[in-house]
Every structure is written in C-alpha cells, then in structure tokens.
C-alpha cells in the first residue's frame, strides 16, 4: 500500500506479510545449507593452521638434519621427514600461509579486474543501449 503524505510517498507492508517468518539465524542457515558448514569449517581450519603454525610445530620448515633424512612417521615427526631431514608436518603447516597469500592475491586481482570491466561496461553500455 502506498500512502502520500505532504508530497512524500511511503510504502507500508501489511502486518500479515512478515508475521509468519522467523529471523534467519546461523543455525538455520547451516541446517539449510550443510555444504556451507563443511566449506566454512575447512577455511576456518586452514586459517587456524596458518595463524598458529609456529605454536603447532617445534621444527623449522627450512632447516633439516641430514641424519634424520627419510624417517617414517613417528612420535618425533608426525608426518616423517623428507630427503633433506626437514619435518614434513612443519612444511605443510607453514605452507598454508603461502597458500592463503596466493589465494588473497588472486582474488584481489580478479576483483579489481572484474570491477573495472563492469564499471567501464556499465558506463559505455548505458550510453549505447539500443535494444
């Protein structure tokens, strides 16, 4: 319903249109879209590992001990060591930081390019709309 009051138009909705809806909560959203929970959980885990990598491992990912080369997984090295004696788990945990930085840079480039092309297309296309 549209009401004109002193030259100002306002639109009001009847009370029955919104009375049957419940507010969308996080629990409702996750129940409706369980893939959001799985994907969000993986991203949260990757962020946690990238941020707290120094606290999750005691080994330096770049320094190795040749005497510990190619050790199988065990109590000291949970994922074993590589051919240069570096801890594989430390390399994986610290590698999450590099993966996240590459992802942020890639998304930023795509966002900048897409917004630029969209703005140019909107500006030029708006003046030449023919159909």
Protein backbone atom coordinates (compact mmCIF):
# COMPACT_ATOMS: atom_id res chain seq x y z
CA UNK A 1 0.00 0.00 0.00
CA UNK A 2 1.36 3.43 -0.96
CA UNK A 3 0.44 6.47 1.09
CA UNK A 4 1.09 10.08 0.09
CA UNK A 5 1.66 12.48 2.97
CA UNK A 6 2.56 16.06 2.12
CA UNK A 7 4.28 15.10 -1.15
CA UNK A 8 6.26 12.19 0.35
CA UNK A 9 5.41 8.69 -0.83
CA UNK A 10 5.87 5.88 1.67
CA UNK A 11 5.28 2.20 1.20
CA UNK A 12 3.99 0.08 4.04
CA UNK A 13 3.54 -3.68 4.14
CA UNK A 14 0.61 -5.34 5.85
CA UNK A 15 1.37 -6.91 9.23
CA UNK A 16 0.37 -10.37 7.97
CA UNK A 17 3.12 -10.44 5.30
CA UNK A 18 6.01 -10.67 7.78
CA UNK A 19 4.38 -12.11 10.87
CA UNK A 20 4.89 -15.77 9.86
CA UNK A 21 8.64 -15.54 9.24
CA UNK A 22 11.31 -16.33 11.76
CA UNK A 23 14.58 -14.40 11.67
CA UNK A 24 17.39 -16.16 9.82
CA UNK A 25 19.91 -17.38 12.39
CA UNK A 26 23.28 -19.06 11.90
CA UNK A 27 21.88 -22.42 12.99
CA UNK A 28 19.03 -22.19 10.49
CA UNK A 29 21.42 -21.20 7.72
CA UNK A 30 23.73 -24.15 8.45
CA UNK A 31 20.82 -26.60 8.57
CA UNK A 32 19.54 -25.40 5.21
CA UNK A 33 22.98 -25.39 3.59
CA UNK A 34 25.22 -28.10 5.13
CA UNK A 35 27.89 -27.56 2.46
CA UNK A 36 28.42 -24.12 3.97
CA UNK A 37 29.36 -25.80 7.24
CA UNK A 38 31.85 -28.13 5.55
CA UNK A 39 33.45 -25.44 3.38
CA UNK A 40 33.47 -22.87 6.17
CA UNK A 41 35.00 -25.41 8.53
CA UNK A 42 37.80 -26.18 6.09
CA UNK A 43 38.55 -22.50 5.55
CA UNK A 44 38.49 -21.90 9.33
CA UNK A 45 40.87 -24.84 9.84
CA UNK A 46 43.23 -23.52 7.17
CA UNK A 47 43.19 -20.06 8.76
CA UNK A 48 43.81 -21.55 12.21
CA UNK A 49 46.74 -23.63 10.95
CA UNK A 50 48.24 -20.69 9.05
CA UNK A 51 48.00 -18.32 12.00
CA UNK A 52 49.18 -20.72 14.70
CA UNK A 53 51.79 -22.69 12.69
CA UNK A 54 54.69 -21.72 14.99
CA UNK A 55 52.74 -22.99 18.00
CA UNK A 56 51.64 -26.24 16.35
CA UNK A 57 55.13 -27.49 15.49
CA UNK A 58 58.52 -27.16 17.09
CA UNK A 59 60.53 -27.71 13.90
CA UNK A 60 61.72 -25.11 11.41
CA UNK A 61 60.37 -25.92 7.94
CA UNK A 62 63.57 -24.80 6.18
CA UNK A 63 66.24 -26.33 8.40
CA UNK A 64 66.96 -30.00 8.16
CA UNK A 65 69.26 -32.59 9.65
CA UNK A 66 70.66 -35.00 7.08
CA UNK A 67 70.94 -37.72 9.73
CA UNK A 68 67.12 -37.58 10.05
CA UNK A 69 66.53 -37.95 6.30
CA UNK A 70 63.55 -40.04 5.14
CA UNK A 71 62.35 -41.02 8.61
CA UNK A 72 58.91 -42.63 8.69
CA UNK A 73 56.09 -41.02 10.67
CA UNK A 74 56.63 -41.35 14.40
CA UNK A 75 56.38 -39.62 17.75
CA UNK A 76 59.04 -37.03 16.92
CA UNK A 77 57.97 -36.35 13.33
CA UNK A 78 54.23 -36.99 12.90
CA UNK A 79 54.39 -36.98 9.07
CA UNK A 80 58.01 -38.09 8.81
CA UNK A 81 60.89 -36.24 7.18
CA UNK A 82 61.92 -35.58 3.61
CA UNK A 83 65.21 -36.44 1.90
CA UNK A 84 66.97 -33.46 3.48
CA UNK A 85 65.75 -34.22 7.01
CA UNK A 86 63.14 -31.47 7.19
CA UNK A 87 59.93 -32.15 9.10
CA UNK A 88 57.07 -32.67 6.62
CA UNK A 89 54.36 -31.53 9.04
CA UNK A 90 56.16 -28.23 9.67
CA UNK A 91 56.45 -27.69 5.92
CA UNK A 92 52.73 -28.37 5.44
CA UNK A 93 51.69 -26.05 8.28
CA UNK A 94 53.91 -23.19 7.13
CA UNK A 95 52.85 -23.85 3.52
CA UNK A 96 49.29 -22.90 4.50
CA UNK A 97 50.49 -19.32 4.91
CA UNK A 98 51.81 -19.24 1.37
CA UNK A 99 48.61 -20.81 0.04
CA UNK A 100 46.46 -18.20 1.75
CA UNK A 101 48.59 -15.32 0.49
CA UNK A 102 48.38 -16.65 -3.09
CA UNK A 103 44.59 -17.00 -2.72
CA UNK A 104 44.18 -13.45 -1.41
CA UNK A 105 46.34 -12.01 -4.19
CA UNK A 106 44.46 -13.99 -6.86
CA UNK A 107 41.05 -12.94 -5.59
CA UNK A 108 42.20 -9.32 -5.33
CA UNK A 109 43.39 -9.32 -8.95
CA UNK A 110 40.13 -10.89 -10.11
CA UNK A 111 38.06 -8.45 -8.06
CA UNK A 112 39.93 -5.42 -9.37
CA UNK A 113 39.73 -6.63 -12.97
CA UNK A 114 36.05 -7.57 -12.75
CA UNK A 115 35.00 -4.32 -11.10
CA UNK A 116 36.97 -2.29 -13.63
CA UNK A 117 35.45 -4.12 -16.60
CA UNK A 118 31.97 -3.88 -15.06
CA UNK A 119 32.25 -0.15 -14.43
CA UNK A 120 33.53 0.51 -17.95
CA UNK A 121 30.84 -1.72 -19.49
CA UNK A 122 28.14 -0.05 -17.43
CA UNK A 123 29.33 3.41 -18.35
CA UNK A 124 29.71 2.70 -22.07
CA UNK A 125 26.76 0.31 -22.32
CA UNK A 126 24.46 2.73 -20.52
CA UNK A 127 25.02 5.36 -23.19
CA UNK A 128 24.61 2.89 -26.09
CA UNK A 129 21.67 0.77 -25.01
CA UNK A 130 19.72 0.12 -28.18
CA UNK A 131 17.55 -2.95 -27.68
